Amino acid sequence: MAATLKSSSFLYSLRLNLKSCSINNKLSTIFISHSKSICQFPIMASASVQEIIPKALDATSDPPTLFDGTTRLYTSLLCPYAQRVWITRNVKGLQDEIKLVPIDVGNRPAWYKEKINPANKVPALEHNNQIKGESLDLIKYIDSHFDGPSLFPNDDDVEKQEFAKELLAYTDTFNGAVVKLCKGEEGSSGAPFDYFETALSKFDDGPFLLGKFSLVDIAYAPFIERFVPFLLEVKNYDSTQGRPKLGAWIDEMNKIEGYNQTKRDPQELIAIHKKVFSA
């Protein structure tokens, strides 16, 4: 059953060169604004677990009581960077330990920049009387500082650790190259998907990028969730054609409950990105 968030408006922002979503930076962010009396955003969750998504805090909302011992993940439900951290939280079973605090980035509260993140970006994590940001840093932090299954190779598996670092460092390059493909820019190609397919061939102990499911898969999943359906429907480009391991990876990701709890309706994402990539 899907949880629902209602809001008078939202603004979706996609940054190509940073590991977080900017709330207000016209020079480096593409904005989409929708103004409706009521907007409903379904959160696709598994049948066995349903999280009640809190209402997004906006300019009229009071801030939470900071540093009261509650661990909070400040997020935007449409931001792929923030989704990385949300997935990590869920996969590690931390729904009760880390409170989800959605921010209405279309009508953002002034206190968010003043009290939470001076960069005015999501995601941000409030933990142990500190505020931390940047999505790739946060997924590593949550994995190493909280209970739950480990999502990074053991220290004795040097080969996988090094490959994990390489793949994480490539995420911005991957996203930027696929965005050019989505926009139909001259010289764009499916090369980033070829890289991904080749990466999936390195280890044979599972269908994921490091064989077994890890933070590396989490880092890519929100973007592939957006890019692949858009390219297929709008550009008639099947990213999985000739790339069987990518197709299998998508199938396996869709079996992970903690990821499914964060997914958007594909048609909603396609509609958003039609406007993003035509801007």
C-alpha atoms as a PDB file:
ATOM      1  CA  MET A   1       0.000   0.000   0.000  1.00  0.00           C
ATOM      2  CA  ALA A   2       1.352   3.412  -0.878  1.00  0.00           C
ATOM      3  CA  ALA A   3       1.878   6.157   1.643  1.00  0.00           C
ATOM      4  CA  THR A   4       0.825   9.638   0.531  1.00  0.00           C
ATOM      5  CA  LEU A   5       2.260  13.088   1.072  1.00  0.00           C
ATOM      6  CA  LYS A   6       0.114  16.167   0.445  1.00  0.00           C
ATOM      7  CA  SER A   7       1.549  19.606  -0.251  1.00  0.00           C
ATOM      8  CA  SER A   8       0.468  22.826  -1.935  1.00  0.00           C
ATOM      9  CA  SER A   9       3.555  22.909  -4.141  1.00  0.00           C
ATOM     10  CA  PHE A  10       6.914  21.312  -4.687  1.00  0.00           C
ATOM     11  CA  LEU A  11      10.162  22.101  -6.390  1.00  0.00           C
ATOM     12  CA  TYR A  12      12.359  19.361  -7.713  1.00  0.00           C
ATOM     13  CA  SER A  13      16.031  20.082  -8.149  1.00  0.00           C
ATOM     14  CA  LEU A  14      18.645  17.936  -9.843  1.00  0.00           C
ATOM     15  CA  ARG A  15      22.323  18.739  -9.408  1.00  0.00           C
ATOM     16  CA  LEU A  16      24.788  17.147 -11.745  1.00  0.00           C
ATOM     17  CA  ASN A  17      28.101  17.835 -10.042  1.00  0.00           C
ATOM     18  CA  LEU A  18      27.454  17.622  -6.301  1.00  0.00           C
ATOM     19  CA  LYS A  19      26.398  14.808  -4.001  1.00  0.00           C
ATOM     20  CA  SER A  20      23.251  16.508  -2.759  1.00  0.00           C
ATOM     21  CA  CYS A  21      20.220  18.458  -3.967  1.00  0.00           C
ATOM     22  CA  SER A  22      20.418  22.210  -3.793  1.00  0.00           C
ATOM     23  CA  ILE A  23      17.296  23.962  -2.636  1.00  0.00           C
ATOM     24  CA  ASN A  24      17.996  27.285  -4.265  1.00  0.00           C
ATOM     25  CA  ASN A  25      20.923  27.770  -6.610  1.00  0.00           C
ATOM     26  CA  LYS A  26      19.859  29.027 -10.028  1.00  0.00           C
ATOM     27  CA  LEU A  27      23.331  28.812 -11.518  1.00  0.00           C
ATOM     28  CA  SER A  28      23.821  25.107 -10.954  1.00  0.00           C
ATOM     29  CA  THR A  29      20.368  23.656 -10.448  1.00  0.00           C
ATOM     30  CA  ILE A  30      17.476  22.898 -12.765  1.00  0.00           C
ATOM     31  CA  PHE A  31      14.171  23.734 -11.131  1.00  0.00           C
ATOM     32  CA  ILE A  32      10.691  22.491 -11.761  1.00  0.00           C
ATOM     33  CA  SER A  33       7.800  24.057  -9.880  1.00  0.00           C
ATOM     34  CA  HIS A  34       4.271  22.723  -9.762  1.00  0.00           C
ATOM     35  CA  SER A  35       1.564  24.759  -8.052  1.00  0.00           C
ATOM     36  CA  LYS A  36      -1.621  22.897  -7.229  1.00  0.00           C
ATOM     37  CA  SER A  37      -4.182  23.076  -4.489  1.00  0.00           C
ATOM     38  CA  ILE A  38      -3.306  19.504  -3.520  1.00  0.00           C
ATOM     39  CA  CYS A  39      -0.461  17.369  -4.827  1.00  0.00           C
ATOM     40  CA  GLN A  40      -0.309  13.700  -3.967  1.00  0.00           C
ATOM     41  CA  PHE A  41       3.005  11.872  -4.084  1.00  0.00           C
ATOM     42  CA  PRO A  42       2.707   8.084  -3.733  1.00  0.00           C
ATOM     43  CA  ILE A  43       5.610   6.284  -2.099  1.00  0.00           C
ATOM     44  CA  MET A  44       5.929   2.763  -3.487  1.00  0.00           C
ATOM     45  CA  ALA A  45       6.369   0.406  -0.555  1.00  0.00           C
ATOM     46  CA  SER A  46       6.289  -3.337  -0.107  1.00  0.00           C
ATOM     47  CA  ALA A  47       3.182  -5.053   1.158  1.00  0.00           C
ATOM     48  CA  SER A  48       4.906  -6.181   4.349  1.00  0.00           C
ATOM     49  CA  VAL A  49       6.269  -2.830   5.535  1.00  0.00           C
ATOM     50  CA  GLN A  50       4.679   0.579   5.271  1.00  0.00           C
ATOM     51  CA  GLU A  51       6.238   3.723   6.645  1.00  0.00           C
ATOM     52  CA  ILE A  52       4.018   6.679   7.369  1.00  0.00           C
ATOM     53  CA  ILE A  53       5.740   9.555   5.610  1.00  0.00           C
ATOM     54  CA  PRO A  54       5.499  12.769   7.655  1.00  0.00           C
ATOM     55  CA  LYS A  55       4.142  15.897   6.036  1.00  0.00           C
ATOM     56  CA  ALA A  56       6.897  17.993   4.490  1.00  0.00           C
ATOM     57  CA  LEU A  57       7.928  20.994   6.559  1.00  0.00           C
ATOM     58  CA  ASP A  58       7.511  24.312   4.758  1.00  0.00           C
ATOM     59  CA  ALA A  59       7.900  28.029   5.392  1.00  0.00           C
ATOM     60  CA  THR A  60       5.030  27.978   7.878  1.00  0.00           C
ATOM     61  CA  SER A  61       6.426  25.071   9.907  1.00  0.00           C
ATOM     62  CA  ASP A  62       8.289  25.404  13.166  1.00  0.00           C
ATOM     63  CA  PRO A  63      11.717  23.772  13.296  1.00  0.00           C
ATOM     64  CA  PRO A  64      12.186  20.584  15.289  1.00  0.00           C
ATOM     65  CA  THR A  65      13.945  20.822  18.626  1.00  0.00           C
ATOM     66  CA  LEU A  66      17.537  20.401  17.537  1.00  0.00           C
ATOM     67  CA  PHE A  67      20.031  18.215  19.359  1.00  0.00           C
ATOM     68  CA  ASP A  68      17.438  16.692  21.667  1.00  0.00           C
ATOM     69  CA  GLY A  69      18.842  13.206  21.179  1.00  0.00           C
ATOM     70  CA  THR A  70      16.707  12.437  18.119  1.00  0.00           C
ATOM     71  CA  THR A  71      18.546  11.394  14.972  1.00  0.00           C
ATOM     72  CA  ARG A  72      16.917  13.055  11.964  1.00  0.00           C
ATOM     73  CA  LEU A  73      17.349  12.676   8.224  1.00  0.00           C
ATOM     74  CA  TYR A  74      16.326  15.886   6.466  1.00  0.00           C
ATOM     75  CA  THR A  75      15.322  14.969   2.951  1.00  0.00           C
ATOM     76  CA  SER A  76      13.299  15.713  -0.155  1.00  0.00           C
ATOM     77  CA  LEU A  77      11.173  12.860  -1.437  1.00  0.00           C
ATOM     78  CA  LEU A  78      12.001  13.698  -5.056  1.00  0.00           C
ATOM     79  CA  CYS A  79      15.754  14.192  -4.716  1.00  0.00           C
ATOM     80  CA  PRO A  80      17.842  11.244  -5.995  1.00  0.00           C
ATOM     81  CA  TYR A  81      20.778  12.254  -3.807  1.00  0.00           C
ATOM     82  CA  ALA A  82      18.605  12.262  -0.704  1.00  0.00           C
ATOM     83  CA  GLN A  83      17.088   8.955  -1.813  1.00  0.00           C
ATOM     84  CA  ARG A  84      20.517   7.346  -1.497  1.00  0.00           C
ATOM     85  CA  VAL A  85      20.538   8.058   2.224  1.00  0.00           C
ATOM     86  CA  TRP A  86      16.904   7.059   2.663  1.00  0.00           C
ATOM     87  CA  ILE A  87      17.622   3.684   1.041  1.00  0.00           C
ATOM     88  CA  THR A  88      20.647   3.121   3.282  1.00  0.00           C
ATOM     89  CA  ARG A  89      18.580   3.901   6.372  1.00  0.00           C
ATOM     90  CA  ASN A  90      15.865   1.476   5.312  1.00  0.00           C
ATOM     91  CA  VAL A  91      18.122  -1.382   4.230  1.00  0.00           C
ATOM     92  CA  LYS A  92      19.885  -1.254   7.587  1.00  0.00           C
ATOM     93  CA  GLY A  93      16.518  -1.357   9.363  1.00  0.00           C
ATOM     94  CA  LEU A  94      16.881   2.067  10.985  1.00  0.00           C
ATOM     95  CA  GLN A  95      13.367   3.403  10.391  1.00  0.00           C
ATOM     96  CA  ASP A  96      12.764   3.707  14.125  1.00  0.00           C
ATOM     97  CA  GLU A  97      16.233   5.014  14.929  1.00  0.00           C
ATOM     98  CA  ILE A  98      16.537   7.696  12.238  1.00  0.00           C
ATOM     99  CA  LYS A  99      13.490   9.944  11.916  1.00  0.00           C
ATOM    100  CA  LEU A 100      12.587  11.040   8.395  1.00  0.00           C
ATOM    101  CA  VAL A 101      12.038  14.811   8.097  1.00  0.00           C
ATOM    102  CA  PRO A 102      10.878  15.781   4.583  1.00  0.00           C
ATOM    103  CA  ILE A 103      11.492  19.387   3.568  1.00  0.00           C
ATOM    104  CA  ASP A 104       9.220  21.168   1.086  1.00  0.00           C
ATOM    105  CA  VAL A 105      11.947  22.608  -1.114  1.00  0.00           C
ATOM    106  CA  GLY A 106       9.391  24.566  -3.124  1.00  0.00           C
ATOM    107  CA  ASN A 107       8.337  26.509  -0.033  1.00  0.00           C
ATOM    108  CA  ARG A 108      11.319  25.903   2.171  1.00  0.00           C
ATOM    109  CA  PRO A 109      11.499  27.090   5.767  1.00  0.00           C
ATOM    110  CA  ALA A 110      14.032  29.851   6.394  1.00  0.00           C
ATOM    111  CA  TRP A 111      15.255  28.045   9.492  1.00  0.00           C
ATOM    112  CA  TYR A 112      16.575  25.150   7.396  1.00  0.00           C
ATOM    113  CA  LYS A 113      19.429  27.240   6.033  1.00  0.00           C
ATOM    114  CA  GLU A 114      19.913  29.079   9.307  1.00  0.00           C
ATOM    115  CA  LYS A 115      19.854  26.105  11.666  1.00  0.00           C
ATOM    116  CA  ILE A 116      20.396  22.904   9.669  1.00  0.00           C
ATOM    117  CA  ASN A 117      22.512  23.370   6.571  1.00  0.00           C
ATOM    118  CA  PRO A 118      24.035  26.734   5.603  1.00  0.00           C
ATOM    119  CA  ALA A 119      24.426  25.378   2.061  1.00  0.00           C
ATOM    120  CA  ASN A 120      20.614  25.001   1.981  1.00  0.00           C
ATOM    121  CA  LYS A 121      20.890  21.475   0.584  1.00  0.00           C
ATOM    122  CA  VAL A 122      19.359  18.107   1.287  1.00  0.00           C
ATOM    123  CA  PRO A 123      20.097  15.516   2.477  1.00  0.00           C
ATOM    124  CA  ALA A 124      21.384  16.366   5.933  1.00  0.00           C
ATOM    125  CA  LEU A 125      21.722  14.151   8.987  1.00  0.00           C
ATOM    126  CA  GLU A 126      21.368  15.328  12.575  1.00  0.00           C
ATOM    127  CA  HIS A 127      23.237  12.909  14.837  1.00  0.00           C
ATOM    128  CA  ASN A 128      25.250  13.179  18.039  1.00  0.00           C
ATOM    129  CA  ASN A 129      24.766  16.955  18.242  1.00  0.00           C
ATOM    130  CA  GLN A 130      26.144  17.471  14.750  1.00  0.00           C
ATOM    131  CA  ILE A 131      24.741  18.118  11.287  1.00  0.00           C
ATOM    132  CA  LYS A 132      26.363  16.271   8.405  1.00  0.00           C
ATOM    133  CA  GLY A 133      25.707  16.510   4.667  1.00  0.00           C
ATOM    134  CA  GLU A 134      26.621  15.206   1.184  1.00  0.00           C
ATOM    135  CA  SER A 135      24.913  12.010   0.133  1.00  0.00           C
ATOM    136  CA  LEU A 136      27.927   9.773  -0.507  1.00  0.00           C
ATOM    137  CA  ASP A 137      29.470  10.808   2.798  1.00  0.00           C
ATOM    138  CA  LEU A 138      26.195  10.168   4.595  1.00  0.00           C
ATOM    139  CA  ILE A 139      25.628   6.654   3.271  1.00  0.00           C
ATOM    140  CA  LYS A 140      29.138   5.729   4.426  1.00  0.00           C
ATOM    141  CA  TYR A 141      28.554   7.402   7.791  1.00  0.00           C
ATOM    142  CA  ILE A 142      25.270   5.608   8.429  1.00  0.00           C
ATOM    143  CA  ASP A 143      26.775   2.286   7.419  1.00  0.00           C
ATOM    144  CA  SER A 144      29.703   2.654   9.813  1.00  0.00           C
ATOM    145  CA  HIS A 145      27.975   4.347  12.775  1.00  0.00           C
ATOM    146  CA  PHE A 146      24.705   2.431  13.066  1.00  0.00           C
ATOM    147  CA  ASP A 147      23.656  -1.161  13.575  1.00  0.00           C
ATOM    148  CA  GLY A 148      22.398  -3.308  10.739  1.00  0.00           C
ATOM    149  CA  PRO A 149      23.977  -5.313   7.932  1.00  0.00           C
ATOM    150  CA  SER A 150      27.303  -3.968   6.687  1.00  0.00           C
ATOM    151  CA  LEU A 151      27.037  -2.476   3.203  1.00  0.00           C
ATOM    152  CA  PHE A 152      30.726  -2.082   2.410  1.00  0.00           C
ATOM    153  CA  PRO A 153      33.419  -4.723   1.776  1.00  0.00           C
ATOM    154  CA  ASN A 154      35.452  -5.955   4.722  1.00  0.00           C
ATOM    155  CA  ASP A 155      38.940  -4.561   5.257  1.00  0.00           C
ATOM    156  CA  ASP A 156      40.476  -7.855   4.160  1.00  0.00           C
ATOM    157  CA  ASP A 157      38.800  -7.628   0.737  1.00  0.00           C
ATOM    158  CA  VAL A 158      41.111  -5.014  -0.726  1.00  0.00           C
ATOM    159  CA  GLU A 159      40.102  -5.639  -4.343  1.00  0.00           C
ATOM    160  CA  LYS A 160      36.435  -4.961  -3.674  1.00  0.00           C
ATOM    161  CA  GLN A 161      37.210  -1.962  -1.502  1.00  0.00           C
ATOM    162  CA  GLU A 162      39.312  -0.382  -4.229  1.00  0.00           C
ATOM    163  CA  PHE A 163      36.709  -1.091  -6.896  1.00  0.00           C
ATOM    164  CA  ALA A 164      34.020   0.358  -4.645  1.00  0.00           C
ATOM    165  CA  LYS A 165      36.009   3.589  -4.364  1.00  0.00           C
ATOM    166  CA  GLU A 166      36.424   3.711  -8.143  1.00  0.00           C
ATOM    167  CA  LEU A 167      32.712   3.213  -8.753  1.00  0.00           C
ATOM    168  CA  LEU A 168      31.681   5.788  -6.164  1.00  0.00           C
ATOM    169  CA  ALA A 169      34.077   8.312  -7.679  1.00  0.00           C
ATOM    170  CA  TYR A 170      32.516   7.673 -11.105  1.00  0.00           C
ATOM    171  CA  THR A 171      28.923   8.442 -10.074  1.00  0.00           C
ATOM    172  CA  ASP A 172      28.988  12.122 -11.054  1.00  0.00           C
ATOM    173  CA  THR A 173      30.626  11.302 -14.390  1.00  0.00           C
ATOM    174  CA  PHE A 174      27.977   8.647 -15.031  1.00  0.00           C
ATOM    175  CA  ASN A 175      25.118  10.984 -14.169  1.00  0.00           C
ATOM    176  CA  GLY A 176      26.468  13.845 -16.253  1.00  0.00           C
ATOM    177  CA  ALA A 177      27.007  11.636 -19.303  1.00  0.00           C
ATOM    178  CA  VAL A 178      23.535  10.094 -19.104  1.00  0.00           C
ATOM    179  CA  VAL A 179      21.934  13.517 -18.704  1.00  0.00           C
ATOM    180  CA  LYS A 180      23.537  14.509 -22.020  1.00  0.00           C
ATOM    181  CA  LEU A 181      22.016  11.386 -23.563  1.00  0.00           C
ATOM    182  CA  CYS A 182      18.612  12.258 -22.104  1.00  0.00           C
ATOM    183  CA  LYS A 183      18.880  15.749 -23.570  1.00  0.00           C
ATOM    184  CA  GLY A 184      19.956  14.379 -26.939  1.00  0.00           C
ATOM    185  CA  GLU A 185      23.135  16.425 -26.954  1.00  0.00           C
ATOM    186  CA  GLU A 186      25.532  15.964 -29.840  1.00  0.00           C
ATOM    187  CA  GLY A 187      28.184  13.372 -29.116  1.00  0.00           C
ATOM    188  CA  SER A 188      26.226  11.707 -26.316  1.00  0.00           C
ATOM    189  CA  SER A 189      26.122   7.923 -26.269  1.00  0.00           C
ATOM    190  CA  GLY A 190      25.353   4.883 -24.176  1.00  0.00           C
ATOM    191  CA  ALA A 191      28.973   4.659 -23.010  1.00  0.00           C
ATOM    192  CA  PRO A 192      28.141   5.170 -19.309  1.00  0.00           C
ATOM    193  CA  PHE A 193      25.775   2.198 -19.449  1.00  0.00           C
ATOM    194  CA  ASP A 194      28.526   0.175 -21.130  1.00  0.00           C
ATOM    195  CA  TYR A 195      30.802   1.090 -18.229  1.00  0.00           C
ATOM    196  CA  PHE A 196      28.108  -0.061 -15.808  1.00  0.00           C
ATOM    197  CA  GLU A 197      27.628  -3.343 -17.687  1.00  0.00           C
ATOM    198  CA  THR A 198      31.366  -3.999 -17.632  1.00  0.00           C
ATOM    199  CA  ALA A 199      31.530  -3.195 -13.921  1.00  0.00           C
ATOM    200  CA  LEU A 200      28.828  -5.773 -13.253  1.00  0.00           C
ATOM    201  CA  SER A 201      31.067  -8.405 -14.844  1.00  0.00           C
ATOM    202  CA  LYS A 202      34.004  -7.945 -12.482  1.00  0.00           C
ATOM    203  CA  PHE A 203      32.789 -10.206  -9.656  1.00  0.00           C
ATOM    204  CA  ASP A 204      30.879 -13.452 -10.054  1.00  0.00           C
ATOM    205  CA  ASP A 205      29.554 -13.924  -6.517  1.00  0.00           C
ATOM    206  CA  GLY A 206      26.296 -12.070  -7.117  1.00  0.00           C
ATOM    207  CA  PRO A 207      24.351  -9.806  -9.505  1.00  0.00           C
ATOM    208  CA  PHE A 208      25.409  -6.505  -7.950  1.00  0.00           C
ATOM    209  CA  LEU A 209      28.334  -4.192  -8.649  1.00  0.00           C
ATOM    210  CA  LEU A 210      30.522  -5.781  -5.986  1.00  0.00           C
ATOM    211  CA  GLY A 211      28.867  -9.161  -6.356  1.00  0.00           C
ATOM    212  CA  LYS A 212      26.906  -8.711  -3.160  1.00  0.00           C
ATOM    213  CA  PHE A 213      24.596  -5.757  -2.546  1.00  0.00           C
ATOM    214  CA  SER A 214      26.446  -2.709  -1.227  1.00  0.00           C
ATOM    215  CA  LEU A 215      26.528   1.063  -0.873  1.00  0.00           C
ATOM    216  CA  VAL A 216      27.761   1.238  -4.453  1.00  0.00           C
ATOM    217  CA  ASP A 217      24.449  -0.101  -5.753  1.00  0.00           C
ATOM    218  CA  ILE A 218      22.626   2.383  -3.532  1.00  0.00           C
ATOM    219  CA  ALA A 219      24.669   5.250  -4.980  1.00  0.00           C
ATOM    220  CA  TYR A 220      23.529   4.471  -8.536  1.00  0.00           C
ATOM    221  CA  ALA A 221      19.998   3.157  -8.014  1.00  0.00           C
ATOM    222  CA  PRO A 222      18.057   6.463  -7.706  1.00  0.00           C
ATOM    223  CA  PHE A 223      19.547   7.750 -10.948  1.00  0.00           C
ATOM    224  CA  ILE A 224      19.026   4.583 -12.956  1.00  0.00           C
ATOM    225  CA  GLU A 225      15.470   4.553 -11.588  1.00  0.00           C
ATOM    226  CA  ARG A 226      15.003   7.904 -13.340  1.00  0.00           C
ATOM    227  CA  PHE A 227      17.166   7.566 -16.447  1.00  0.00           C
ATOM    228  CA  VAL A 228      16.180   4.137 -17.781  1.00  0.00           C
ATOM    229  CA  PRO A 229      12.376   4.672 -17.995  1.00  0.00           C
ATOM    230  CA  PHE A 230      12.836   8.191 -19.368  1.00  0.00           C
ATOM    231  CA  LEU A 231      15.176   7.072 -22.127  1.00  0.00           C
ATOM    232  CA  LEU A 232      12.894   4.186 -23.079  1.00  0.00           C
ATOM    233  CA  GLU A 233       9.668   6.182 -23.238  1.00  0.00           C
ATOM    234  CA  VAL A 234      10.895   9.556 -24.474  1.00  0.00           C
ATOM    235  CA  LYS A 235      13.978   8.702 -26.531  1.00  0.00           C
ATOM    236  CA  ASN A 236      13.016   5.141 -27.520  1.00  0.00           C
ATOM    237  CA  TYR A 237      16.397   4.055 -26.168  1.00  0.00           C
ATOM    238  CA  ASP A 238      16.459   0.764 -24.289  1.00  0.00           C
ATOM    239  CA  SER A 239      19.391   1.007 -21.893  1.00  0.00           C
ATOM    240  CA  THR A 240      19.217  -2.724 -21.161  1.00  0.00           C
ATOM    241  CA  GLN A 241      19.363  -3.890 -24.795  1.00  0.00           C
ATOM    242  CA  GLY A 242      22.628  -5.740 -25.253  1.00  0.00           C
ATOM    243  CA  ARG A 243      23.334  -5.233 -21.551  1.00  0.00           C
ATOM    244  CA  PRO A 244      21.851  -8.282 -19.819  1.00  0.00           C
ATOM    245  CA  LYS A 245      23.687  -7.688 -16.563  1.00  0.00           C
ATOM    246  CA  LEU A 246      22.192  -4.202 -16.252  1.00  0.00           C
ATOM    247  CA  GLY A 247      18.721  -5.656 -16.778  1.00  0.00           C
ATOM    248  CA  ALA A 248      19.376  -8.342 -14.170  1.00  0.00           C
ATOM    249  CA  TRP A 249      20.749  -5.717 -11.763  1.00  0.00           C
ATOM    250  CA  ILE A 250      17.564  -3.664 -12.091  1.00  0.00           C
ATOM    251  CA  ASP A 251      15.467  -6.782 -11.449  1.00  0.00           C
ATOM    252  CA  GLU A 252      17.487  -7.628  -8.339  1.00  0.00           C
ATOM    253  CA  MET A 253      17.334  -4.061  -7.029  1.00  0.00           C
ATOM    254  CA  ASN A 254      13.556  -4.154  -7.358  1.00  0.00           C
ATOM    255  CA  LYS A 255      13.485  -7.118  -4.973  1.00  0.00           C
ATOM    256  CA  ILE A 256      15.077  -5.090  -2.162  1.00  0.00           C
ATOM    257  CA  GLU A 257      12.370  -3.954   0.222  1.00  0.00           C
ATOM    258  CA  GLY A 258      14.307  -1.023   1.660  1.00  0.00           C
ATOM    259  CA  TYR A 259      14.751   0.388  -1.841  1.00  0.00           C
ATOM    260  CA  ASN A 260      11.161  -0.185  -2.941  1.00  0.00           C
ATOM    261  CA  GLN A 261       9.946   1.837   0.034  1.00  0.00           C
ATOM    262  CA  THR A 262      11.616   4.918  -1.475  1.00  0.00           C
ATOM    263  CA  LYS A 263      10.640   4.532  -5.129  1.00  0.00           C
ATOM    264  CA  ARG A 264       8.491   6.955  -7.060  1.00  0.00           C
ATOM    265  CA  ASP A 265       5.806   6.275  -9.636  1.00  0.00           C
ATOM    266  CA  PRO A 266       7.809   5.939 -12.902  1.00  0.00           C
ATOM    267  CA  GLN A 267       5.286   8.044 -14.817  1.00  0.00           C
ATOM    268  CA  GLU A 268       5.677  10.834 -12.269  1.00  0.00           C
ATOM    269  CA  LEU A 269       9.447  10.773 -12.751  1.00  0.00           C
ATOM    270  CA  ILE A 270       9.141  10.714 -16.534  1.00  0.00           C
ATOM    271  CA  ALA A 271       6.823  13.736 -16.480  1.00  0.00           C
ATOM    272  CA  ILE A 272       9.228  15.633 -14.239  1.00  0.00           C
ATOM    273  CA  HIS A 273      12.263  14.828 -16.336  1.00  0.00           C
ATOM    274  CA  LYS A 274      10.583  15.802 -19.574  1.00  0.00           C
ATOM    275  CA  LYS A 275      10.575  19.303 -18.129  1.00  0.00           C
ATOM    276  CA  VAL A 276      14.023  18.995 -16.552  1.00  0.00           C
ATOM    277  CA  PHE A 277      15.706  17.931 -19.770  1.00  0.00           C
ATOM    278  CA  SER A 278      13.890  20.447 -21.947  1.00  0.00           C
ATOM    279  CA  ALA A 279      14.865  23.377 -19.705  1.00  0.00           C
END
